[in-house]
Amino acid sequence: MSRIKTFSVVALSGSIVLSCLYQLSQFDFQTVLLLRALHEPVVARLAYFGNRLGDGLTLVLLCIGLWGVGYLRKNKVWQRAGIDGILAHALAGLAVQIFKHLIGRPRPRWTHQDAFEYGPSWQGGLDAFPSGHAAASFSVAAVLACYFPAWRGLWYGSALFVGMARVAGGSHFPTDVLGGAVLGFLIGYTWARTLKDWQENTVQALPLTLPLLIGGCAMFWVTFSHPSSDGVTICTFWGGMLFFGSGIAARWRMAWLGSGTGHRMLLANSLIALGMAISTQTLWVVVVTLLACLVWWLNDQPEPEAAKSLVWLREAWLTSALVIVLVTSQSLQGLVP
């Protein structure tokens, strides 16, 4: 990309990240109060399992196991995946510790009011942002997704579960987890690729963090917000459904015709994203989604092509996942009084 495009992608992506984290921070304390009021054994067990899954020892053992299997099978891909996973994990851990002690944000158990003090600190408990478990999990997931792309849903799904467990267990605020996830993904994505092109790879990775960031913030926002039910709101919702349906239909049409490449696929994805954003009936979500679409067009990275025999399976899986996310977002609206 040209320098102007590169600067635009970095600046817009950075602005979106900061905007989303700021918006989400307004519900951090409300989330803590909600979790303190819950006494569900199932939630506690899932949080415990997620904490163990994202523990540093677990991730290191996973990477060592990959290297060991690759060594025994003389498979260089598995060996490199294991080594890169450990190194990305170490880099993520180092970056996390630097940010933790520079920012000095108190953990939820140390918080008893909706006001936070920030500043450099080495004191235990003042090390919430960013989440180390989330950063480590997403850094390893990004490496494994590079070497084993067919399983990237499993890698990122597991990392997402770890992040949700850290919030559910009361160890972190939602912003801590999302901040750690973005940091870990950037490190893992960049490290797993050619190091001499690390700047270009980082620029390519930034737009890839936006769907998770915007989607996660939007989910929390609609849960705690209470939209009105007037005519404008209803029209906005159905307008979002029109965008969403048009994007899904365009993807299926391209799969049928075998022409799902380039700008047409990007246009379809943008329609889906805008439809989901409009359906939240939240202005800032729509604005940051529009900016994210602009970033994707500037970055102009084509969607990975699937084998012809897997195109229909990919579209069916993607459509199902998007519909589930859409239905979930609508079900969460105004859920918390």
C-alpha atoms as a PDB file:
ATOM      1  CA  MET A   1       0.000   0.000   0.000  1.00  0.00           C
ATOM      2  CA  SER A   2       1.014   3.604  -0.450  1.00  0.00           C
ATOM      3  CA  ARG A   3       2.104   5.580   2.579  1.00  0.00           C
ATOM      4  CA  ILE A   4      -1.142   7.562   2.561  1.00  0.00           C
ATOM      5  CA  LYS A   5      -3.234   4.391   2.583  1.00  0.00           C
ATOM      6  CA  THR A   6      -1.066   2.845   5.282  1.00  0.00           C
ATOM      7  CA  PHE A   7      -1.350   5.917   7.473  1.00  0.00           C
ATOM      8  CA  SER A   8      -5.113   6.051   6.911  1.00  0.00           C
ATOM      9  CA  VAL A   9      -5.578   2.385   7.833  1.00  0.00           C
ATOM     10  CA  VAL A  10      -3.498   2.723  11.003  1.00  0.00           C
ATOM     11  CA  ALA A  11      -5.089   6.012  12.064  1.00  0.00           C
ATOM     12  CA  LEU A  12      -8.667   4.897  11.433  1.00  0.00           C
ATOM     13  CA  SER A  13      -8.125   1.488  13.035  1.00  0.00           C
ATOM     14  CA  GLY A  14      -6.508   3.071  16.081  1.00  0.00           C
ATOM     15  CA  SER A  15      -9.372   5.552  16.402  1.00  0.00           C
ATOM     16  CA  ILE A  16     -11.933   2.737  16.219  1.00  0.00           C
ATOM     17  CA  VAL A  17     -10.092   0.707  18.859  1.00  0.00           C
ATOM     18  CA  LEU A  18      -9.907   3.656  21.264  1.00  0.00           C
ATOM     19  CA  SER A  19     -13.524   4.629  20.608  1.00  0.00           C
ATOM     20  CA  CYS A  20     -14.791   1.086  21.256  1.00  0.00           C
ATOM     21  CA  LEU A  21     -12.765   0.688  24.436  1.00  0.00           C
ATOM     22  CA  TYR A  22     -14.041   4.050  25.692  1.00  0.00           C
ATOM     23  CA  GLN A  23     -17.662   3.189  24.966  1.00  0.00           C
ATOM     24  CA  LEU A  24     -17.312  -0.219  26.579  1.00  0.00           C
ATOM     25  CA  SER A  25     -15.622   1.222  29.671  1.00  0.00           C
ATOM     26  CA  GLN A  26     -18.902   2.952  30.540  1.00  0.00           C
ATOM     27  CA  PHE A  27     -20.371  -0.492  31.320  1.00  0.00           C
ATOM     28  CA  ASP A  28     -17.364  -2.039  33.047  1.00  0.00           C
ATOM     29  CA  PHE A  29     -18.573  -1.355  36.572  1.00  0.00           C
ATOM     30  CA  GLN A  30     -22.166  -2.318  35.756  1.00  0.00           C
ATOM     31  CA  THR A  31     -20.871  -5.647  34.480  1.00  0.00           C
ATOM     32  CA  VAL A  32     -18.983  -6.188  37.739  1.00  0.00           C
ATOM     33  CA  LEU A  33     -22.100  -5.436  39.794  1.00  0.00           C
ATOM     34  CA  LEU A  34     -24.141  -7.840  37.668  1.00  0.00           C
ATOM     35  CA  LEU A  35     -21.608 -10.641  38.095  1.00  0.00           C
ATOM     36  CA  ARG A  36     -21.388 -10.044  41.842  1.00  0.00           C
ATOM     37  CA  ALA A  37     -25.149 -10.500  42.046  1.00  0.00           C
ATOM     38  CA  LEU A  38     -25.009 -13.840  40.225  1.00  0.00           C
ATOM     39  CA  HIS A  39     -24.413 -17.030  42.158  1.00  0.00           C
ATOM     40  CA  GLU A  40     -24.572 -19.652  39.426  1.00  0.00           C
ATOM     41  CA  PRO A  41     -22.344 -22.709  39.963  1.00  0.00           C
ATOM     42  CA  VAL A  42     -22.335 -23.378  36.209  1.00  0.00           C
ATOM     43  CA  VAL A  43     -20.858 -19.928  35.513  1.00  0.00           C
ATOM     44  CA  ALA A  44     -18.201 -20.479  38.170  1.00  0.00           C
ATOM     45  CA  ARG A  45     -17.220 -23.870  36.710  1.00  0.00           C
ATOM     46  CA  LEU A  46     -17.024 -22.476  33.162  1.00  0.00           C
ATOM     47  CA  ALA A  47     -14.925 -19.567  34.418  1.00  0.00           C
ATOM     48  CA  TYR A  48     -12.565 -22.005  36.158  1.00  0.00           C
ATOM     49  CA  PHE A  49     -12.220 -24.135  33.032  1.00  0.00           C
ATOM     50  CA  GLY A  50     -11.573 -21.058  30.871  1.00  0.00           C
ATOM     51  CA  ASN A  51      -8.917 -19.820  33.282  1.00  0.00           C
ATOM     52  CA  ARG A  52      -7.110 -23.152  33.127  1.00  0.00           C
ATOM     53  CA  LEU A  53      -7.399 -23.267  29.333  1.00  0.00           C
ATOM     54  CA  GLY A  54      -5.812 -19.838  28.960  1.00  0.00           C
ATOM     55  CA  ASP A  55      -3.153 -20.403  31.614  1.00  0.00           C
ATOM     56  CA  GLY A  56       0.408 -19.884  30.445  1.00  0.00           C
ATOM     57  CA  LEU A  57       1.455 -23.417  31.341  1.00  0.00           C
ATOM     58  CA  THR A  58      -1.412 -24.907  29.317  1.00  0.00           C
ATOM     59  CA  LEU A  59      -0.521 -22.859  26.249  1.00  0.00           C
ATOM     60  CA  VAL A  60       3.179 -23.665  26.517  1.00  0.00           C
ATOM     61  CA  LEU A  61       2.456 -27.383  26.886  1.00  0.00           C
ATOM     62  CA  LEU A  62       0.193 -27.198  23.833  1.00  0.00           C
ATOM     63  CA  CYS A  63       2.961 -25.627  21.759  1.00  0.00           C
ATOM     64  CA  ILE A  64       5.557 -28.081  23.052  1.00  0.00           C
ATOM     65  CA  GLY A  65       3.194 -30.917  22.146  1.00  0.00           C
ATOM     66  CA  LEU A  66       2.831 -29.575  18.614  1.00  0.00           C
ATOM     67  CA  TRP A  67       6.594 -29.349  18.255  1.00  0.00           C
ATOM     68  CA  GLY A  68       7.031 -32.838  19.672  1.00  0.00           C
ATOM     69  CA  VAL A  69       4.499 -34.383  17.293  1.00  0.00           C
ATOM     70  CA  GLY A  70       6.112 -32.528  14.408  1.00  0.00           C
ATOM     71  CA  TYR A  71       9.546 -33.755  15.440  1.00  0.00           C
ATOM     72  CA  LEU A  72       8.430 -37.384  15.642  1.00  0.00           C
ATOM     73  CA  ARG A  73       6.571 -37.171  12.322  1.00  0.00           C
ATOM     74  CA  LYS A  74       9.332 -35.062  10.719  1.00  0.00           C
ATOM     75  CA  ASN A  75       6.701 -32.444   9.939  1.00  0.00           C
ATOM     76  CA  LYS A  76       8.302 -28.988   9.700  1.00  0.00           C
ATOM     77  CA  VAL A  77       4.946 -27.163   9.779  1.00  0.00           C
ATOM     78  CA  TRP A  78       4.012 -28.621  13.165  1.00  0.00           C
ATOM     79  CA  GLN A  79       7.487 -27.904  14.525  1.00  0.00           C
ATOM     80  CA  ARG A  80       7.430 -24.279  13.379  1.00  0.00           C
ATOM     81  CA  ALA A  81       3.903 -23.839  14.735  1.00  0.00           C
ATOM     82  CA  GLY A  82       5.021 -25.018  18.159  1.00  0.00           C
ATOM     83  CA  ILE A  83       8.112 -22.819  18.235  1.00  0.00           C
ATOM     84  CA  ASP A  84       6.325 -19.730  16.919  1.00  0.00           C
ATOM     85  CA  GLY A  85       3.495 -20.307  19.377  1.00  0.00           C
ATOM     86  CA  ILE A  86       5.881 -20.284  22.341  1.00  0.00           C
ATOM     87  CA  LEU A  87       7.747 -17.202  21.082  1.00  0.00           C
ATOM     88  CA  ALA A  88       4.525 -15.287  20.350  1.00  0.00           C
ATOM     89  CA  HIS A  89       3.266 -16.217  23.810  1.00  0.00           C
ATOM     90  CA  ALA A  90       6.479 -14.873  25.358  1.00  0.00           C
ATOM     91  CA  LEU A  91       6.285 -11.612  23.382  1.00  0.00           C
ATOM     92  CA  ALA A  92       2.623 -11.149  24.342  1.00  0.00           C
ATOM     93  CA  GLY A  93       3.494 -11.749  27.994  1.00  0.00           C
ATOM     94  CA  LEU A  94       6.273  -9.158  27.881  1.00  0.00           C
ATOM     95  CA  ALA A  95       4.059  -6.555  26.188  1.00  0.00           C
ATOM     96  CA  VAL A  96       1.237  -7.213  28.637  1.00  0.00           C
ATOM     97  CA  GLN A  97       3.469  -6.718  31.676  1.00  0.00           C
ATOM     98  CA  ILE A  98       4.722  -3.398  30.320  1.00  0.00           C
ATOM     99  CA  PHE A  99       1.195  -2.080  29.746  1.00  0.00           C
ATOM    100  CA  LYS A 100      -0.124  -3.485  33.027  1.00  0.00           C
ATOM    101  CA  HIS A 101       2.396  -1.649  35.171  1.00  0.00           C
ATOM    102  CA  LEU A 102       2.363   1.551  33.120  1.00  0.00           C
ATOM    103  CA  ILE A 103      -1.440   1.832  33.291  1.00  0.00           C
ATOM    104  CA  GLY A 104      -1.942   0.444  36.807  1.00  0.00           C
ATOM    105  CA  ARG A 105      -5.662  -0.192  36.575  1.00  0.00           C
ATOM    106  CA  PRO A 106      -7.235  -1.909  39.633  1.00  0.00           C
ATOM    107  CA  ARG A 107      -8.836  -5.316  39.169  1.00  0.00           C
ATOM    108  CA  PRO A 108     -12.600  -5.718  39.708  1.00  0.00           C
ATOM    109  CA  ARG A 109     -12.183  -7.161  43.216  1.00  0.00           C
ATOM    110  CA  TRP A 110     -10.408  -3.935  44.213  1.00  0.00           C
ATOM    111  CA  THR A 111     -13.129  -1.753  42.727  1.00  0.00           C
ATOM    112  CA  HIS A 112     -16.106  -0.531  44.751  1.00  0.00           C
ATOM    113  CA  GLN A 113     -17.222   2.499  42.778  1.00  0.00           C
ATOM    114  CA  ASP A 114     -17.605   3.602  39.174  1.00  0.00           C
ATOM    115  CA  ALA A 115     -14.362   5.608  39.150  1.00  0.00           C
ATOM    116  CA  PHE A 116     -10.860   4.411  38.405  1.00  0.00           C
ATOM    117  CA  GLU A 117      -7.436   5.814  39.112  1.00  0.00           C
ATOM    118  CA  TYR A 118      -4.681   5.103  36.614  1.00  0.00           C
ATOM    119  CA  GLY A 119      -0.960   5.464  36.825  1.00  0.00           C
ATOM    120  CA  PRO A 120       2.300   3.515  36.855  1.00  0.00           C
ATOM    121  CA  SER A 121       2.298   0.955  39.664  1.00  0.00           C
ATOM    122  CA  TRP A 122       4.046  -2.270  40.730  1.00  0.00           C
ATOM    123  CA  GLN A 123       1.465  -3.048  43.402  1.00  0.00           C
ATOM    124  CA  GLY A 124      -0.401  -6.342  43.132  1.00  0.00           C
ATOM    125  CA  GLY A 125      -4.026  -5.942  42.100  1.00  0.00           C
ATOM    126  CA  LEU A 126      -3.310  -2.793  40.078  1.00  0.00           C
ATOM    127  CA  ASP A 127      -2.587  -4.755  36.926  1.00  0.00           C
ATOM    128  CA  ALA A 128      -5.940  -5.324  35.234  1.00  0.00           C
ATOM    129  CA  PHE A 129      -5.395  -3.811  31.777  1.00  0.00           C
ATOM    130  CA  PRO A 130      -4.780  -5.602  29.507  1.00  0.00           C
ATOM    131  CA  SER A 131      -5.752  -9.190  30.314  1.00  0.00           C
ATOM    132  CA  GLY A 132      -2.729 -11.481  30.166  1.00  0.00           C
ATOM    133  CA  HIS A 133      -4.827 -14.616  29.636  1.00  0.00           C
ATOM    134  CA  ALA A 134      -6.639 -13.021  26.681  1.00  0.00           C
ATOM    135  CA  ALA A 135      -3.437 -11.689  25.119  1.00  0.00           C
ATOM    136  CA  ALA A 136      -1.637 -15.022  25.454  1.00  0.00           C
ATOM    137  CA  SER A 137      -4.595 -17.032  24.154  1.00  0.00           C
ATOM    138  CA  PHE A 138      -5.118 -14.828  21.108  1.00  0.00           C
ATOM    139  CA  SER A 139      -1.403 -14.668  20.309  1.00  0.00           C
ATOM    140  CA  VAL A 140      -1.171 -18.467  20.223  1.00  0.00           C
ATOM    141  CA  ALA A 141      -4.503 -18.705  18.383  1.00  0.00           C
ATOM    142  CA  ALA A 142      -3.263 -16.301  15.684  1.00  0.00           C
ATOM    143  CA  VAL A 143      -0.126 -18.400  15.187  1.00  0.00           C
ATOM    144  CA  LEU A 144      -2.055 -21.665  14.981  1.00  0.00           C
ATOM    145  CA  ALA A 145      -4.593 -20.097  12.605  1.00  0.00           C
ATOM    146  CA  CYS A 146      -1.709 -19.205  10.301  1.00  0.00           C
ATOM    147  CA  TYR A 147      -0.306 -22.746  10.246  1.00  0.00           C
ATOM    148  CA  PHE A 148      -3.623 -24.614  10.463  1.00  0.00           C
ATOM    149  CA  PRO A 149      -6.193 -22.287   8.817  1.00  0.00           C
ATOM    150  CA  ALA A 150      -8.821 -25.003   8.471  1.00  0.00           C
ATOM    151  CA  TRP A 151      -9.100 -25.045  12.281  1.00  0.00           C
ATOM    152  CA  ARG A 152      -9.007 -21.303  12.894  1.00  0.00           C
ATOM    153  CA  GLY A 153     -12.582 -21.355  14.197  1.00  0.00           C
ATOM    154  CA  LEU A 154     -11.456 -23.696  16.983  1.00  0.00           C
ATOM    155  CA  TRP A 155      -8.386 -21.624  17.845  1.00  0.00           C
ATOM    156  CA  TYR A 156     -10.174 -18.280  17.978  1.00  0.00           C
ATOM    157  CA  GLY A 157     -13.264 -19.772  19.597  1.00  0.00           C
ATOM    158  CA  SER A 158     -11.135 -21.197  22.405  1.00  0.00           C
ATOM    159  CA  ALA A 159      -9.354 -17.864  22.884  1.00  0.00           C
ATOM    160  CA  LEU A 160     -12.699 -16.048  22.986  1.00  0.00           C
ATOM    161  CA  PHE A 161     -13.953 -18.503  25.602  1.00  0.00           C
ATOM    162  CA  VAL A 162     -10.886 -17.772  27.732  1.00  0.00           C
ATOM    163  CA  GLY A 163     -11.594 -14.038  27.529  1.00  0.00           C
ATOM    164  CA  MET A 164     -15.239 -14.492  28.506  1.00  0.00           C
ATOM    165  CA  ALA A 165     -14.160 -16.701  31.424  1.00  0.00           C
ATOM    166  CA  ARG A 166     -11.873 -13.962  32.758  1.00  0.00           C
ATOM    167  CA  VAL A 167     -14.818 -11.571  32.874  1.00  0.00           C
ATOM    168  CA  ALA A 168     -17.263 -14.134  34.276  1.00  0.00           C
ATOM    169  CA  GLY A 169     -14.796 -15.104  36.990  1.00  0.00           C
ATOM    170  CA  GLY A 170     -14.436 -11.494  38.121  1.00  0.00           C
ATOM    171  CA  SER A 171     -10.739 -11.273  37.255  1.00  0.00           C
ATOM    172  CA  HIS A 172     -11.068  -8.608  34.576  1.00  0.00           C
ATOM    173  CA  PHE A 173     -13.322  -5.934  33.155  1.00  0.00           C
ATOM    174  CA  PRO A 174     -14.601  -6.375  29.594  1.00  0.00           C
ATOM    175  CA  THR A 175     -12.260  -3.655  28.331  1.00  0.00           C
ATOM    176  CA  ASP A 176      -9.276  -5.511  29.826  1.00  0.00           C
ATOM    177  CA  VAL A 177     -10.164  -8.629  27.870  1.00  0.00           C
ATOM    178  CA  LEU A 178     -10.817  -6.890  24.561  1.00  0.00           C
ATOM    179  CA  GLY A 179      -7.636  -4.838  24.913  1.00  0.00           C
ATOM    180  CA  GLY A 180      -5.642  -7.989  25.621  1.00  0.00           C
ATOM    181  CA  ALA A 181      -7.286  -9.833  22.719  1.00  0.00           C
ATOM    182  CA  VAL A 182      -6.347  -7.083  20.246  1.00  0.00           C
ATOM    183  CA  LEU A 183      -2.778  -6.897  21.542  1.00  0.00           C
ATOM    184  CA  GLY A 184      -2.311 -10.675  21.479  1.00  0.00           C
ATOM    185  CA  PHE A 185      -3.771 -11.060  18.010  1.00  0.00           C
ATOM    186  CA  LEU A 186      -1.511  -8.358  16.566  1.00  0.00           C
ATOM    187  CA  ILE A 187       1.582  -9.991  18.069  1.00  0.00           C
ATOM    188  CA  GLY A 188       0.648 -13.537  17.022  1.00  0.00           C
ATOM    189  CA  TYR A 189      -0.442 -12.570  13.508  1.00  0.00           C
ATOM    190  CA  THR A 190       2.743 -10.584  12.881  1.00  0.00           C
ATOM    191  CA  TRP A 191       5.130 -13.098  14.432  1.00  0.00           C
ATOM    192  CA  ALA A 192       3.759 -16.067  12.448  1.00  0.00           C
ATOM    193  CA  ARG A 193       4.594 -14.359   9.165  1.00  0.00           C
ATOM    194  CA  THR A 194       7.766 -13.046   7.535  1.00  0.00           C
ATOM    195  CA  LEU A 195       9.504 -10.886  10.124  1.00  0.00           C
ATOM    196  CA  LYS A 196      11.145  -8.630   7.549  1.00  0.00           C
ATOM    197  CA  ASP A 197       7.605  -7.556   6.525  1.00  0.00           C
ATOM    198  CA  TRP A 198       6.412  -7.030  10.097  1.00  0.00           C
ATOM    199  CA  GLN A 199       5.233  -3.476   9.442  1.00  0.00           C
ATOM    200  CA  GLU A 200       3.082  -4.521   6.486  1.00  0.00           C
ATOM    201  CA  ASN A 201       1.763  -7.540   8.395  1.00  0.00           C
ATOM    202  CA  THR A 202       0.808  -5.371  11.367  1.00  0.00           C
ATOM    203  CA  VAL A 203      -1.094  -2.993   9.095  1.00  0.00           C
ATOM    204  CA  GLN A 204      -2.910  -5.968   7.579  1.00  0.00           C
ATOM    205  CA  ALA A 205      -3.714  -7.338  11.043  1.00  0.00           C
ATOM    206  CA  LEU A 206      -5.255  -4.139  12.419  1.00  0.00           C
ATOM    207  CA  PRO A 207      -8.452  -4.264  10.306  1.00  0.00           C
ATOM    208  CA  LEU A 208      -8.904  -7.937  11.224  1.00  0.00           C
ATOM    209  CA  THR A 209      -9.326  -7.002  14.913  1.00  0.00           C
ATOM    210  CA  LEU A 210     -12.248  -4.650  14.246  1.00  0.00           C
ATOM    211  CA  PRO A 211     -15.140  -7.162  13.886  1.00  0.00           C
ATOM    212  CA  LEU A 212     -14.409  -8.719  17.300  1.00  0.00           C
ATOM    213  CA  LEU A 213     -13.873  -5.337  18.905  1.00  0.00           C
ATOM    214  CA  ILE A 214     -16.982  -3.657  17.506  1.00  0.00           C
ATOM    215  CA  GLY A 215     -19.134  -6.764  17.935  1.00  0.00           C
ATOM    216  CA  GLY A 216     -18.056  -7.317  21.526  1.00  0.00           C
ATOM    217  CA  CYS A 217     -18.655  -3.691  22.486  1.00  0.00           C
ATOM    218  CA  ALA A 218     -22.020  -3.655  20.716  1.00  0.00           C
ATOM    219  CA  MET A 219     -23.166  -6.767  22.614  1.00  0.00           C
ATOM    220  CA  PHE A 220     -22.442  -5.136  25.972  1.00  0.00           C
ATOM    221  CA  TRP A 221     -23.982  -1.855  24.863  1.00  0.00           C
ATOM    222  CA  VAL A 222     -27.317  -3.325  23.779  1.00  0.00           C
ATOM    223  CA  THR A 223     -27.481  -5.430  26.956  1.00  0.00           C
ATOM    224  CA  PHE A 224     -27.386  -2.383  29.192  1.00  0.00           C
ATOM    225  CA  SER A 225     -29.225   0.087  26.928  1.00  0.00           C
ATOM    226  CA  HIS A 226     -32.984   0.435  26.560  1.00  0.00           C
ATOM    227  CA  PRO A 227     -34.001   1.612  23.062  1.00  0.00           C
ATOM    228  CA  SER A 228     -37.426   3.082  22.512  1.00  0.00           C
ATOM    229  CA  SER A 229     -40.104   1.269  20.514  1.00  0.00           C
ATOM    230  CA  ASP A 230     -41.329   4.149  18.363  1.00  0.00           C
ATOM    231  CA  GLY A 231     -41.773   4.096  14.591  1.00  0.00           C
ATOM    232  CA  VAL A 232     -38.276   5.360  13.840  1.00  0.00           C
ATOM    233  CA  THR A 233     -36.737   2.554  15.877  1.00  0.00           C
ATOM    234  CA  ILE A 234     -38.826  -0.068  14.087  1.00  0.00           C
ATOM    235  CA  CYS A 235     -37.892   1.341  10.681  1.00  0.00           C
ATOM    236  CA  THR A 236     -34.235   1.361  11.682  1.00  0.00           C
ATOM    237  CA  PHE A 237     -34.399  -2.284  12.694  1.00  0.00           C
ATOM    238  CA  TRP A 238     -35.991  -3.407   9.436  1.00  0.00           C
ATOM    239  CA  GLY A 239     -33.563  -1.237   7.474  1.00  0.00           C
ATOM    240  CA  GLY A 240     -30.742  -3.125   9.155  1.00  0.00           C
ATOM    241  CA  MET A 241     -32.411  -6.418   8.243  1.00  0.00           C
ATOM    242  CA  LEU A 242     -32.569  -5.283   4.610  1.00  0.00           C
ATOM    243  CA  PHE A 243     -28.828  -4.552   4.531  1.00  0.00           C
ATOM    244  CA  PHE A 244     -28.053  -7.809   6.297  1.00  0.00           C
ATOM    245  CA  GLY A 245     -30.227  -9.917   4.000  1.00  0.00           C
ATOM    246  CA  SER A 246     -28.819  -8.223   0.895  1.00  0.00           C
ATOM    247  CA  GLY A 247     -25.254  -9.006   1.964  1.00  0.00           C
ATOM    248  CA  ILE A 248     -26.055 -12.647   2.736  1.00  0.00           C
ATOM    249  CA  ALA A 249     -27.895 -13.045  -0.582  1.00  0.00           C
ATOM    250  CA  ALA A 250     -24.947 -11.513  -2.454  1.00  0.00           C
ATOM    251  CA  ARG A 251     -22.510 -13.979  -0.876  1.00  0.00           C
ATOM    252  CA  TRP A 252     -24.720 -16.960  -1.776  1.00  0.00           C
ATOM    253  CA  ARG A 253     -25.128 -15.665  -5.328  1.00  0.00           C
ATOM    254  CA  MET A 254     -21.364 -15.377  -5.738  1.00  0.00           C
ATOM    255  CA  ALA A 255     -20.934 -18.889  -4.326  1.00  0.00           C
ATOM    256  CA  TRP A 256     -23.465 -20.154  -6.890  1.00  0.00           C
ATOM    257  CA  LEU A 257     -21.784 -18.379  -9.785  1.00  0.00           C
ATOM    258  CA  GLY A 258     -18.243 -18.977  -8.576  1.00  0.00           C
ATOM    259  CA  SER A 259     -17.394 -15.277  -8.717  1.00  0.00           C
ATOM    260  CA  GLY A 260     -16.822 -14.465  -5.058  1.00  0.00           C
ATOM    261  CA  THR A 261     -13.635 -12.441  -5.362  1.00  0.00           C
ATOM    262  CA  GLY A 262     -12.428  -8.883  -5.115  1.00  0.00           C
ATOM    263  CA  HIS A 263     -14.628  -5.897  -4.458  1.00  0.00           C
ATOM    264  CA  ARG A 264     -17.931  -7.727  -4.855  1.00  0.00           C
ATOM    265  CA  MET A 265     -17.188  -9.932  -1.843  1.00  0.00           C
ATOM    266  CA  LEU A 266     -15.996  -6.919   0.121  1.00  0.00           C
ATOM    267  CA  LEU A 267     -19.222  -5.091  -0.742  1.00  0.00           C
ATOM    268  CA  ALA A 268     -21.296  -8.048   0.443  1.00  0.00           C
ATOM    269  CA  ASN A 269     -19.376  -8.218   3.717  1.00  0.00           C
ATOM    270  CA  SER A 270     -19.795  -4.466   4.225  1.00  0.00           C
ATOM    271  CA  LEU A 271     -23.560  -4.752   3.726  1.00  0.00           C
ATOM    272  CA  ILE A 272     -23.717  -7.521   6.337  1.00  0.00           C
ATOM    273  CA  ALA A 273     -21.664  -5.510   8.823  1.00  0.00           C
ATOM    274  CA  LEU A 274     -23.738  -2.360   8.320  1.00  0.00           C
ATOM    275  CA  GLY A 275     -26.975  -4.330   8.618  1.00  0.00           C
ATOM    276  CA  MET A 276     -25.936  -5.811  11.936  1.00  0.00           C
ATOM    277  CA  ALA A 277     -24.764  -2.411  13.166  1.00  0.00           C
ATOM    278  CA  ILE A 278     -27.999  -0.648  12.172  1.00  0.00           C
ATOM    279  CA  SER A 279     -30.074  -3.376  13.852  1.00  0.00           C
ATOM    280  CA  THR A 280     -28.523  -2.428  17.214  1.00  0.00           C
ATOM    281  CA  GLN A 281     -30.225   0.987  16.875  1.00  0.00           C
ATOM    282  CA  THR A 282     -27.118   2.613  18.327  1.00  0.00           C
ATOM    283  CA  LEU A 283     -25.562   5.558  16.516  1.00  0.00           C
ATOM    284  CA  TRP A 284     -21.950   5.080  17.623  1.00  0.00           C
ATOM    285  CA  VAL A 285     -22.006   1.427  16.550  1.00  0.00           C
ATOM    286  CA  VAL A 286     -23.147   2.468  13.077  1.00  0.00           C
ATOM    287  CA  VAL A 287     -20.478   5.188  12.879  1.00  0.00           C
ATOM    288  CA  VAL A 288     -17.554   2.942  13.869  1.00  0.00           C
ATOM    289  CA  THR A 289     -18.847   0.216  11.537  1.00  0.00           C
ATOM    290  CA  LEU A 290     -18.868   2.678   8.645  1.00  0.00           C
ATOM    291  CA  LEU A 291     -15.299   3.627   9.524  1.00  0.00           C
ATOM    292  CA  ALA A 292     -14.364  -0.065   9.716  1.00  0.00           C
ATOM    293  CA  CYS A 293     -15.817  -0.635   6.245  1.00  0.00           C
ATOM    294  CA  LEU A 294     -13.692   2.234   4.972  1.00  0.00           C
ATOM    295  CA  VAL A 295     -10.623   0.625   6.564  1.00  0.00           C
ATOM    296  CA  TRP A 296     -11.424  -2.719   4.899  1.00  0.00           C
ATOM    297  CA  TRP A 297     -11.754  -1.018   1.499  1.00  0.00           C
ATOM    298  CA  LEU A 298      -8.460   0.823   1.982  1.00  0.00           C
ATOM    299  CA  ASN A 299      -6.719  -2.341   3.156  1.00  0.00           C
ATOM    300  CA  ASP A 300      -8.299  -4.288   0.290  1.00  0.00           C
ATOM    301  CA  GLN A 301      -7.260  -7.759   1.423  1.00  0.00           C
ATOM    302  CA  PRO A 302      -9.172 -10.463  -0.489  1.00  0.00           C
ATOM    303  CA  GLU A 303     -11.064 -13.089   1.474  1.00  0.00           C
ATOM    304  CA  PRO A 304      -9.218 -16.447   1.483  1.00  0.00           C
ATOM    305  CA  GLU A 305     -10.583 -18.695  -1.240  1.00  0.00           C
ATOM    306  CA  ALA A 306     -12.044 -22.032  -0.198  1.00  0.00           C
ATOM    307  CA  ALA A 307     -11.996 -25.170  -2.277  1.00  0.00           C
ATOM    308  CA  LYS A 308     -15.011 -25.441  -4.571  1.00  0.00           C
ATOM    309  CA  SER A 309     -16.252 -28.462  -2.660  1.00  0.00           C
ATOM    310  CA  LEU A 310     -16.156 -26.453   0.585  1.00  0.00           C
ATOM    311  CA  VAL A 311     -17.659 -23.170  -0.628  1.00  0.00           C
ATOM    312  CA  TRP A 312     -21.220 -24.174   0.216  1.00  0.00           C
ATOM    313  CA  LEU A 313     -20.165 -25.513   3.607  1.00  0.00           C
ATOM    314  CA  ARG A 314     -18.332 -22.271   4.344  1.00  0.00           C
ATOM    315  CA  GLU A 315     -21.315 -20.131   3.385  1.00  0.00           C
ATOM    316  CA  ALA A 316     -23.724 -22.296   5.384  1.00  0.00           C
ATOM    317  CA  TRP A 317     -21.496 -22.110   8.461  1.00  0.00           C
ATOM    318  CA  LEU A 318     -20.945 -18.358   8.109  1.00  0.00           C
ATOM    319  CA  THR A 319     -24.638 -17.611   7.544  1.00  0.00           C
ATOM    320  CA  SER A 320     -25.640 -19.706  10.553  1.00  0.00           C
ATOM    321  CA  ALA A 321     -23.065 -18.002  12.775  1.00  0.00           C
ATOM    322  CA  LEU A 322     -24.135 -14.519  11.674  1.00  0.00           C
ATOM    323  CA  VAL A 323     -27.825 -15.281  12.211  1.00  0.00           C
ATOM    324  CA  ILE A 324     -27.053 -16.608  15.702  1.00  0.00           C
ATOM    325  CA  VAL A 325     -25.099 -13.443  16.524  1.00  0.00           C
ATOM    326  CA  LEU A 326     -27.912 -11.265  15.163  1.00  0.00           C
ATOM    327  CA  VAL A 327     -30.624 -13.090  17.113  1.00  0.00           C
ATOM    328  CA  THR A 328     -28.488 -13.005  20.258  1.00  0.00           C
ATOM    329  CA  SER A 329     -27.934  -9.250  19.968  1.00  0.00           C
ATOM    330  CA  GLN A 330     -31.661  -8.673  19.619  1.00  0.00           C
ATOM    331  CA  SER A 331     -32.420 -10.934  22.568  1.00  0.00           C
ATOM    332  CA  LEU A 332     -29.914  -9.081  24.772  1.00  0.00           C
ATOM    333  CA  GLN A 333     -31.347  -5.610  24.138  1.00  0.00           C
ATOM    334  CA  GLY A 334     -32.334  -4.055  27.439  1.00  0.00           C
ATOM    335  CA  LEU A 335     -31.826  -7.352  29.273  1.00  0.00           C
ATOM    336  CA  VAL A 336     -30.254  -5.694  32.338  1.00  0.00           C
ATOM    337  CA  PRO A 337     -32.567  -3.179  34.076  1.00  0.00           C
END
